[in-house]
Each structure stands twice: as C-alpha cells, then as structure tokens.
Amino acid sequence: MPRAARIAPSEHIYYPDKRGNNRQDVFKEENDCQRYLDILQRYKEKYKFKLYHYALMKNHIHLVIETTGGSGKLSDIMKGINLSYAQHYKNKYRHIGHFWQDRYKSILISKDAYLFACGSYVELNPVRARIVEDPKDYRWSSYNAYAYGKKDYITDEHSIYR
C-alpha cells in the first residue's frame, strides 16, 4: 500500500524529527554531531531555510525549520540532510543496512505560541532524557543561543524572541 502524500505548504514553520533505525545511535562521537551541524549549514545555504531550534540526541534529531519563498520543499531539505549524514555515518563506521527509521515526522507550526512551545520542548529534551540537569550544559542544542545570547553559526533567531 503506498504512503499518503505529505501536505507541506511552502513558507511555513515545521517541527521535523528523525530517529535512528530500531532506535540505534546516530551519533557515536562528538565529531559526528559537529558533522551533522555542518551538513545542516550546507543545506541551509543551498535551500535558504531558517533553523530556529535543534537538539541532536544520541539516537534522534529534533529541528524547527522555516521554509521560505526561495527555499526548497521540506521533503527535499530533509532528504538531502538525512541522506548526506547517513552516507557519512555508513562510510565512517562501515554500517550496513537501514540507518534511519521510517520517514521523518513533521508537525506544521501555525502560531507563534506553538513555536515557543516547540522550541522549549526541543531544547529541554536533553534534560528530560537525563543527559544533563541544566540545558545550558548540553552542547548540541540551540538552547544557549536563545537563553544566553551565545550566537552560533547555525541558529536563526525568530522575531518573536526579540
């Protein structure tokens, strides 16, 4: 049975997430996380989307992305990022077989209040997972860019936070 087509209008904000197959780790080393962020940056330049929030967890990824008039479709963006990172991982660790579990999941964010709630959810994920007690101690999220104004090279600030 074919999958239902995604409804993904352009120029909207989405909360896509992606998980490793069978909940396997997708980041084994710190430099894997850095590689994923570098891939994200490369695709930001290619597709001109905005990245408002992110958290790279051991076996899954949370993103909050806005597609713009000049950007590609969310499906093209996610396909490029996920394929590029999977190729890196498979080559580095000689991984064979499925890397990602299913397609990415995404939620359309239609209101500013929901954007704020999604951002908080994404950035507090390392605390809920008991990786850190304080989100400022987790290196692989956008939390410090918002909470402490520590701008990084990848996070875009949405106007509701100004």
N, C-alpha and C. Protein backbone atom coordinates (compact mmCIF):
# COMPACT_ATOMS: atom_id res chain seq x y z
N MET A 1 0.84 -1.17 0.00
CA MET A 1 0.00 0.00 0.00
C MET A 1 0.89 1.24 0.00
N PRO A 2 0.68 2.18 -0.91
CA PRO A 2 1.52 3.37 -0.96
C PRO A 2 1.26 4.28 0.23
N ARG A 3 2.29 5.04 0.56
CA ARG A 3 2.16 6.01 1.65
C ARG A 3 1.33 7.20 1.19
N ALA A 4 0.67 7.82 2.13
CA ALA A 4 -0.08 9.04 1.82
C ALA A 4 0.90 10.17 1.54
N ALA A 5 0.56 11.00 0.59
CA ALA A 5 1.42 12.14 0.27
C ALA A 5 1.42 13.13 1.43
N ARG A 6 2.55 13.75 1.64
CA ARG A 6 2.65 14.76 2.69
C ARG A 6 2.02 16.06 2.20
N ILE A 7 1.36 16.73 3.11
CA ILE A 7 0.88 18.08 2.82
C ILE A 7 1.84 19.03 3.51
N ALA A 8 2.62 19.74 2.71
CA ALA A 8 3.67 20.61 3.27
C ALA A 8 3.72 21.91 2.49
N PRO A 9 2.86 22.86 2.83
CA PRO A 9 2.89 24.13 2.12
C PRO A 9 4.22 24.85 2.31
N SER A 10 4.61 25.63 1.30
CA SER A 10 5.86 26.38 1.42
C SER A 10 5.66 27.58 2.34
N GLU A 11 6.76 28.16 2.77
CA GLU A 11 6.77 29.34 3.64
C GLU A 11 6.02 29.10 4.95
N HIS A 12 6.34 28.00 5.59
CA HIS A 12 5.77 27.68 6.89
C HIS A 12 6.87 27.18 7.82
N ILE A 13 6.54 27.10 9.09
CA ILE A 13 7.47 26.57 10.08
C ILE A 13 7.06 25.15 10.42
N TYR A 14 8.05 24.27 10.50
CA TYR A 14 7.80 22.86 10.77
C TYR A 14 8.68 22.38 11.91
N TYR A 15 8.18 21.36 12.56
CA TYR A 15 8.96 20.66 13.59
C TYR A 15 9.16 19.23 13.08
N PRO A 16 10.24 19.00 12.31
CA PRO A 16 10.53 17.63 11.88
C PRO A 16 11.47 16.95 12.88
N ASP A 17 11.28 15.65 13.03
CA ASP A 17 12.24 14.88 13.82
C ASP A 17 12.54 13.59 13.09
N LYS A 18 13.68 13.02 13.42
CA LYS A 18 14.16 11.82 12.74
C LYS A 18 14.86 10.94 13.75
N ARG A 19 14.64 9.63 13.64
CA ARG A 19 15.17 8.68 14.62
C ARG A 19 15.99 7.61 13.90
N GLY A 20 17.02 7.13 14.58
CA GLY A 20 17.81 6.03 14.05
C GLY A 20 16.99 4.75 13.97
N ASN A 21 17.28 3.91 12.99
CA ASN A 21 16.56 2.65 12.82
C ASN A 21 16.65 1.82 14.10
N ASN A 22 15.52 1.29 14.53
CA ASN A 22 15.45 0.49 15.76
C ASN A 22 16.02 1.25 16.96
N ARG A 23 15.91 2.56 16.92
CA ARG A 23 16.41 3.44 17.98
C ARG A 23 17.92 3.33 18.20
N GLN A 24 18.62 2.90 17.16
CA GLN A 24 20.08 2.81 17.26
C GLN A 24 20.67 4.21 17.33
N ASP A 25 21.86 4.31 17.90
CA ASP A 25 22.55 5.60 17.98
C ASP A 25 22.88 6.10 16.58
N VAL A 26 22.70 7.39 16.38
CA VAL A 26 23.09 8.01 15.12
C VAL A 26 24.31 8.91 15.31
N PHE A 27 24.67 9.14 16.57
CA PHE A 27 25.87 9.91 16.89
C PHE A 27 26.70 9.11 17.89
N LYS A 28 27.85 8.61 17.44
CA LYS A 28 28.71 7.84 18.34
C LYS A 28 29.77 8.70 19.00
N GLU A 29 30.19 9.75 18.31
CA GLU A 29 31.26 10.61 18.81
C GLU A 29 30.84 12.07 18.67
N GLU A 30 31.50 12.93 19.42
CA GLU A 30 31.21 14.37 19.36
C GLU A 30 31.36 14.90 17.93
N ASN A 31 32.37 14.43 17.22
CA ASN A 31 32.57 14.97 15.87
C ASN A 31 31.47 14.53 14.89
N ASP A 32 30.70 13.50 15.25
CA ASP A 32 29.53 13.14 14.43
C ASP A 32 28.47 14.24 14.55
N CYS A 33 28.27 14.74 15.75
CA CYS A 33 27.32 15.84 15.95
C CYS A 33 27.77 17.07 15.17
N GLN A 34 29.06 17.37 15.24
CA GLN A 34 29.57 18.52 14.50
C GLN A 34 29.38 18.33 13.01
N ARG A 35 29.60 17.11 12.54
CA ARG A 35 29.41 16.82 11.11
C ARG A 35 27.96 17.06 10.71
N TYR A 36 27.01 16.62 11.56
CA TYR A 36 25.60 16.84 11.26
C TYR A 36 25.28 18.33 11.17
N LEU A 37 25.81 19.12 12.11
CA LEU A 37 25.58 20.57 12.06
C LEU A 37 26.19 21.19 10.81
N ASP A 38 27.36 20.71 10.41
CA ASP A 38 27.98 21.22 9.18
C ASP A 38 27.12 20.89 7.96
N ILE A 39 26.55 19.69 7.94
CA ILE A 39 25.64 19.30 6.85
C ILE A 39 24.40 20.19 6.87
N LEU A 40 23.86 20.42 8.05
CA LEU A 40 22.71 21.33 8.18
C LEU A 40 23.04 22.70 7.59
N GLN A 41 24.20 23.22 7.93
CA GLN A 41 24.61 24.53 7.43
C GLN A 41 24.73 24.53 5.91
N ARG A 42 25.30 23.48 5.38
CA ARG A 42 25.44 23.38 3.93
C ARG A 42 24.07 23.40 3.25
N TYR A 43 23.11 22.68 3.81
CA TYR A 43 21.77 22.65 3.22
C TYR A 43 21.00 23.94 3.49
N LYS A 44 21.32 24.63 4.57
CA LYS A 44 20.72 25.96 4.79
C LYS A 44 21.14 26.90 3.67
N GLU A 45 22.40 26.83 3.29
CA GLU A 45 22.90 27.69 2.21
C GLU A 45 22.27 27.30 0.88
N LYS A 46 22.11 26.01 0.65
CA LYS A 46 21.55 25.53 -0.62
C LYS A 46 20.07 25.86 -0.75
N TYR A 47 19.29 25.60 0.31
CA TYR A 47 17.84 25.74 0.23
C TYR A 47 17.28 27.00 0.88
N LYS A 48 18.12 27.79 1.52
CA LYS A 48 17.71 29.07 2.11
C LYS A 48 16.60 28.93 3.16
N PHE A 49 16.62 27.87 3.94
CA PHE A 49 15.64 27.74 5.02
C PHE A 49 16.23 28.32 6.30
N LYS A 50 15.39 28.53 7.29
CA LYS A 50 15.83 29.04 8.59
C LYS A 50 15.72 27.92 9.61
N LEU A 51 16.71 27.86 10.47
CA LEU A 51 16.72 26.87 11.55
C LEU A 51 16.57 27.62 12.87
N TYR A 52 15.44 27.45 13.52
CA TYR A 52 15.18 28.18 14.76
C TYR A 52 15.59 27.41 16.01
N HIS A 53 15.40 26.11 16.01
CA HIS A 53 15.76 25.30 17.17
C HIS A 53 16.27 23.95 16.69
N TYR A 54 17.17 23.36 17.49
CA TYR A 54 17.61 22.00 17.21
C TYR A 54 18.11 21.35 18.50
N ALA A 55 18.06 20.03 18.50
CA ALA A 55 18.70 19.23 19.55
C ALA A 55 19.12 17.92 18.90
N LEU A 56 20.39 17.63 18.99
CA LEU A 56 20.93 16.38 18.47
C LEU A 56 21.07 15.43 19.65
N MET A 57 20.23 14.41 19.68
CA MET A 57 20.25 13.43 20.75
C MET A 57 21.02 12.21 20.26
N LYS A 58 21.30 11.29 21.15
CA LYS A 58 22.12 10.13 20.78
C LYS A 58 21.51 9.34 19.62
N ASN A 59 20.18 9.14 19.66
CA ASN A 59 19.58 8.30 18.63
C ASN A 59 18.49 9.00 17.81
N HIS A 60 18.34 10.31 17.98
CA HIS A 60 17.35 11.03 17.19
C HIS A 60 17.68 12.52 17.14
N ILE A 61 16.94 13.21 16.28
CA ILE A 61 17.20 14.62 16.00
C ILE A 61 15.89 15.39 16.05
N HIS A 62 15.92 16.57 16.65
CA HIS A 62 14.77 17.48 16.65
C HIS A 62 15.19 18.77 15.95
N LEU A 63 14.36 19.26 15.06
CA LEU A 63 14.62 20.51 14.35
C LEU A 63 13.35 21.36 14.32
N VAL A 64 13.51 22.66 14.27
CA VAL A 64 12.40 23.56 13.97
C VAL A 64 12.89 24.42 12.81
N ILE A 65 12.26 24.24 11.65
CA ILE A 65 12.71 24.81 10.38
C ILE A 65 11.60 25.65 9.76
N GLU A 66 11.99 26.78 9.17
CA GLU A 66 11.04 27.56 8.37
C GLU A 66 11.49 27.53 6.92
N THR A 67 10.59 27.06 6.06
CA THR A 67 10.86 27.13 4.63
C THR A 67 10.43 28.52 4.17
N THR A 68 11.17 29.08 3.25
CA THR A 68 10.87 30.43 2.76
C THR A 68 10.60 30.37 1.27
N GLY A 69 10.23 31.51 0.70
CA GLY A 69 9.92 31.56 -0.72
C GLY A 69 11.03 31.03 -1.61
N GLY A 70 12.28 31.27 -1.24
CA GLY A 70 13.40 30.84 -2.05
C GLY A 70 13.91 29.46 -1.70
N SER A 71 13.31 28.84 -0.69
CA SER A 71 13.83 27.55 -0.25
C SER A 71 13.11 26.41 -0.95
N GLY A 72 13.69 25.26 -0.82
CA GLY A 72 13.06 24.07 -1.36
C GLY A 72 11.95 23.59 -0.46
N LYS A 73 11.33 22.51 -0.87
CA LYS A 73 10.29 21.91 -0.05
C LYS A 73 10.94 21.23 1.15
N LEU A 74 10.18 21.12 2.22
CA LEU A 74 10.69 20.46 3.42
C LEU A 74 11.19 19.06 3.10
N SER A 75 10.47 18.35 2.24
CA SER A 75 10.88 16.98 1.90
C SER A 75 12.24 16.95 1.22
N ASP A 76 12.53 17.92 0.34
CA ASP A 76 13.84 17.99 -0.32
C ASP A 76 14.94 18.32 0.69
N ILE A 77 14.63 19.23 1.60
CA ILE A 77 15.60 19.62 2.62
C ILE A 77 15.95 18.43 3.50
N MET A 78 14.93 17.76 4.02
CA MET A 78 15.15 16.63 4.92
C MET A 78 15.82 15.46 4.20
N LYS A 79 15.43 15.23 2.97
CA LYS A 79 16.05 14.15 2.20
C LYS A 79 17.55 14.40 2.04
N GLY A 80 17.90 15.63 1.67
CA GLY A 80 19.31 15.96 1.47
C GLY A 80 20.13 15.82 2.74
N ILE A 81 19.62 16.39 3.84
CA ILE A 81 20.33 16.33 5.11
C ILE A 81 20.48 14.89 5.58
N ASN A 82 19.38 14.15 5.57
CA ASN A 82 19.40 12.79 6.10
C ASN A 82 20.23 11.84 5.25
N LEU A 83 20.16 11.98 3.95
CA LEU A 83 20.97 11.14 3.06
C LEU A 83 22.45 11.45 3.23
N SER A 84 22.79 12.72 3.28
CA SER A 84 24.19 13.11 3.42
C SER A 84 24.79 12.60 4.73
N TYR A 85 24.04 12.76 5.84
CA TYR A 85 24.57 12.29 7.12
C TYR A 85 24.64 10.77 7.16
N ALA A 86 23.64 10.09 6.61
CA ALA A 86 23.66 8.62 6.60
C ALA A 86 24.87 8.10 5.82
N GLN A 87 25.20 8.74 4.71
CA GLN A 87 26.38 8.34 3.94
C GLN A 87 27.65 8.53 4.75
N HIS A 88 27.75 9.65 5.45
CA HIS A 88 28.91 9.89 6.31
C HIS A 88 29.03 8.78 7.36
N TYR A 89 27.95 8.49 8.05
CA TYR A 89 27.96 7.50 9.13
C TYR A 89 28.29 6.11 8.59
N LYS A 90 27.65 5.73 7.49
CA LYS A 90 27.88 4.39 6.92
C LYS A 90 29.33 4.22 6.47
N ASN A 91 29.91 5.25 5.89
CA ASN A 91 31.31 5.17 5.48
C ASN A 91 32.25 5.13 6.68
N LYS A 92 32.00 5.96 7.65
CA LYS A 92 32.88 6.06 8.82
C LYS A 92 32.86 4.79 9.66
N TYR A 93 31.67 4.24 9.89
CA TYR A 93 31.53 3.10 10.80
C TYR A 93 31.26 1.78 10.07
N ARG A 94 31.35 1.80 8.75
CA ARG A 94 31.11 0.61 7.93
C ARG A 94 29.76 -0.03 8.27
N HIS A 95 28.78 0.83 8.42
CA HIS A 95 27.42 0.41 8.75
C HIS A 95 26.74 -0.12 7.49
N ILE A 96 26.03 -1.23 7.63
CA ILE A 96 25.30 -1.82 6.51
C ILE A 96 23.82 -1.88 6.89
N GLY A 97 22.96 -1.60 5.95
CA GLY A 97 21.53 -1.70 6.19
C GLY A 97 20.89 -0.35 6.43
N HIS A 98 19.64 -0.41 6.87
CA HIS A 98 18.89 0.82 7.13
C HIS A 98 19.56 1.63 8.22
N PHE A 99 19.60 2.92 8.02
CA PHE A 99 20.17 3.81 9.03
C PHE A 99 19.07 4.56 9.77
N TRP A 100 18.15 5.15 9.03
CA TRP A 100 17.05 5.90 9.63
C TRP A 100 15.81 5.02 9.75
N GLN A 101 15.02 5.28 10.76
CA GLN A 101 13.76 4.57 10.96
C GLN A 101 12.66 5.34 10.25
N ASP A 102 12.02 4.73 9.29
CA ASP A 102 10.89 5.34 8.59
C ASP A 102 11.25 6.70 7.98
N ARG A 103 10.23 7.40 7.53
CA ARG A 103 10.41 8.77 7.04
C ARG A 103 10.49 9.69 8.25
N TYR A 104 10.96 10.89 8.02
CA TYR A 104 10.93 11.86 9.10
C TYR A 104 9.48 12.19 9.43
N LYS A 105 9.25 12.56 10.65
CA LYS A 105 7.91 13.02 11.06
C LYS A 105 7.97 14.54 11.15
N SER A 106 6.86 15.20 10.83
CA SER A 106 6.87 16.66 10.94
C SER A 106 5.49 17.17 11.35
N ILE A 107 5.53 18.26 12.08
CA ILE A 107 4.32 18.94 12.53
C ILE A 107 4.39 20.37 12.00
N LEU A 108 3.30 20.84 11.43
CA LEU A 108 3.21 22.22 10.96
C LEU A 108 2.96 23.13 12.16
N ILE A 109 3.77 24.15 12.31
CA ILE A 109 3.63 25.10 13.42
C ILE A 109 2.91 26.33 12.87
N SER A 110 1.70 26.54 13.34
CA SER A 110 0.88 27.60 12.74
C SER A 110 0.78 28.87 13.58
N LYS A 111 1.16 28.83 14.83
CA LYS A 111 1.03 30.00 15.69
C LYS A 111 2.33 30.26 16.45
N ASP A 112 2.59 31.53 16.75
CA ASP A 112 3.80 31.89 17.48
C ASP A 112 3.89 31.19 18.83
N ALA A 113 2.76 31.06 19.52
CA ALA A 113 2.78 30.40 20.83
C ALA A 113 3.23 28.94 20.69
N TYR A 114 2.82 28.30 19.61
CA TYR A 114 3.23 26.91 19.40
C TYR A 114 4.71 26.83 19.03
N LEU A 115 5.21 27.83 18.31
CA LEU A 115 6.64 27.88 18.01
C LEU A 115 7.44 27.96 19.30
N PHE A 116 7.02 28.80 20.21
CA PHE A 116 7.69 28.92 21.50
C PHE A 116 7.64 27.60 22.26
N ALA A 117 6.49 26.94 22.27
CA ALA A 117 6.34 25.65 22.96
C ALA A 117 7.22 24.58 22.32
N CYS A 118 7.26 24.53 21.00
CA CYS A 118 8.11 23.54 20.31
C CYS A 118 9.58 23.80 20.58
N GLY A 119 9.98 25.07 20.56
CA GLY A 119 11.36 25.41 20.85
C GLY A 119 11.76 24.96 22.24
N SER A 120 10.90 25.20 23.21
CA SER A 120 11.18 24.75 24.59
C SER A 120 11.26 23.24 24.66
N TYR A 121 10.33 22.57 24.00
CA TYR A 121 10.32 21.11 24.01
C TYR A 121 11.63 20.56 23.43
N VAL A 122 12.04 21.10 22.29
CA VAL A 122 13.26 20.64 21.63
C VAL A 122 14.47 20.86 22.53
N GLU A 123 14.61 22.06 23.07
CA GLU A 123 15.81 22.41 23.82
C GLU A 123 15.87 21.79 25.21
N LEU A 124 14.73 21.37 25.75
CA LEU A 124 14.73 20.70 27.06
C LEU A 124 14.79 19.18 26.94
N ASN A 125 14.83 18.68 25.72
CA ASN A 125 14.90 17.24 25.50
C ASN A 125 16.09 16.58 26.21
N PRO A 126 17.29 17.17 26.20
CA PRO A 126 18.41 16.56 26.92
C PRO A 126 18.19 16.47 28.43
N VAL A 127 17.42 17.39 28.98
CA VAL A 127 17.10 17.35 30.42
C VAL A 127 16.11 16.22 30.69
N ARG A 128 15.06 16.13 29.86
CA ARG A 128 14.08 15.06 30.04
C ARG A 128 14.71 13.69 29.87
N ALA A 129 15.73 13.60 29.01
CA ALA A 129 16.42 12.32 28.77
C ALA A 129 17.47 12.04 29.85
N ARG A 130 17.61 12.95 30.80
CA ARG A 130 18.56 12.84 31.92
C ARG A 130 20.02 12.78 31.46
N ILE A 131 20.30 13.46 30.36
CA ILE A 131 21.68 13.57 29.89
C ILE A 131 22.39 14.68 30.66
N VAL A 132 21.66 15.76 30.91
CA VAL A 132 22.15 16.89 31.70
C VAL A 132 21.05 17.33 32.65
N GLU A 133 21.43 18.03 33.71
CA GLU A 133 20.43 18.58 34.62
C GLU A 133 19.99 19.97 34.18
N ASP A 134 20.89 20.68 33.54
CA ASP A 134 20.61 22.04 33.10
C ASP A 134 20.84 22.10 31.58
N PRO A 135 19.88 22.60 30.81
CA PRO A 135 20.04 22.60 29.35
C PRO A 135 21.24 23.40 28.86
N LYS A 136 21.74 24.33 29.66
CA LYS A 136 22.92 25.11 29.23
C LYS A 136 24.16 24.23 29.12
N ASP A 137 24.14 23.07 29.77
CA ASP A 137 25.29 22.17 29.75
C ASP A 137 25.31 21.22 28.56
N TYR A 138 24.26 21.27 27.73
CA TYR A 138 24.21 20.38 26.57
C TYR A 138 24.68 21.14 25.35
N ARG A 139 25.76 20.68 24.78
CA ARG A 139 26.41 21.38 23.68
C ARG A 139 25.64 21.32 22.36
N TRP A 140 24.88 20.27 22.15
CA TRP A 140 24.32 20.00 20.83
C TRP A 140 22.86 20.42 20.71
N SER A 141 22.57 21.61 21.18
CA SER A 141 21.23 22.18 21.00
C SER A 141 21.35 23.69 20.83
N SER A 142 20.25 24.29 20.47
CA SER A 142 20.21 25.74 20.26
C SER A 142 19.90 26.50 21.55
N TYR A 143 19.82 25.82 22.67
CA TYR A 143 19.41 26.45 23.93
C TYR A 143 20.24 27.69 24.27
N ASN A 144 21.55 27.58 24.23
CA ASN A 144 22.41 28.70 24.64
C ASN A 144 22.30 29.90 23.70
N ALA A 145 21.95 29.67 22.46
CA ALA A 145 21.77 30.79 21.53
C ALA A 145 20.61 31.68 21.98
N TYR A 146 19.58 31.07 22.53
CA TYR A 146 18.41 31.84 22.98
C TYR A 146 18.54 32.27 24.43
N ALA A 147 18.91 31.37 25.31
CA ALA A 147 18.91 31.67 26.75
C ALA A 147 20.01 32.65 27.14
N TYR A 148 21.16 32.56 26.47
CA TYR A 148 22.31 33.38 26.87
C TYR A 148 22.84 34.27 25.75
N GLY A 149 22.17 34.27 24.62
CA GLY A 149 22.61 35.11 23.52
C GLY A 149 23.93 34.68 22.91
N LYS A 150 24.32 33.42 23.13
CA LYS A 150 25.57 32.90 22.56
C LYS A 150 25.29 32.44 21.14
N LYS A 151 25.38 33.35 20.22
CA LYS A 151 25.06 33.04 18.83
C LYS A 151 26.00 31.97 18.29
N ASP A 152 25.41 31.04 17.59
CA ASP A 152 26.22 30.05 16.90
C ASP A 152 26.07 30.27 15.40
N TYR A 153 26.79 29.52 14.63
CA TYR A 153 26.80 29.75 13.19
C TYR A 153 25.58 29.19 12.49
N ILE A 154 24.72 28.48 13.20
CA ILE A 154 23.65 27.77 12.52
C ILE A 154 22.24 28.21 12.91
N THR A 155 22.06 28.73 14.11
CA THR A 155 20.73 29.07 14.61
C THR A 155 20.29 30.45 14.13
N ASP A 156 19.08 30.52 13.59
CA ASP A 156 18.47 31.79 13.20
C ASP A 156 17.51 32.21 14.30
N GLU A 157 17.44 33.50 14.57
CA GLU A 157 16.53 33.99 15.60
C GLU A 157 15.20 34.41 14.98
N HIS A 158 14.12 33.88 15.49
CA HIS A 158 12.79 34.27 15.02
C HIS A 158 12.40 35.58 15.68
N SER A 159 11.60 36.38 15.01
CA SER A 159 11.22 37.70 15.52
C SER A 159 10.44 37.65 16.83
N ILE A 160 9.79 36.55 17.16
CA ILE A 160 9.04 36.51 18.43
C ILE A 160 9.96 36.52 19.64
N TYR A 161 11.24 36.22 19.44
CA TYR A 161 12.19 36.19 20.55
C TYR A 161 12.90 37.52 20.75
N ARG A 162 12.64 38.49 19.91
CA ARG A 162 13.34 39.79 20.02
C ARG A 162 12.64 40.69 21.00
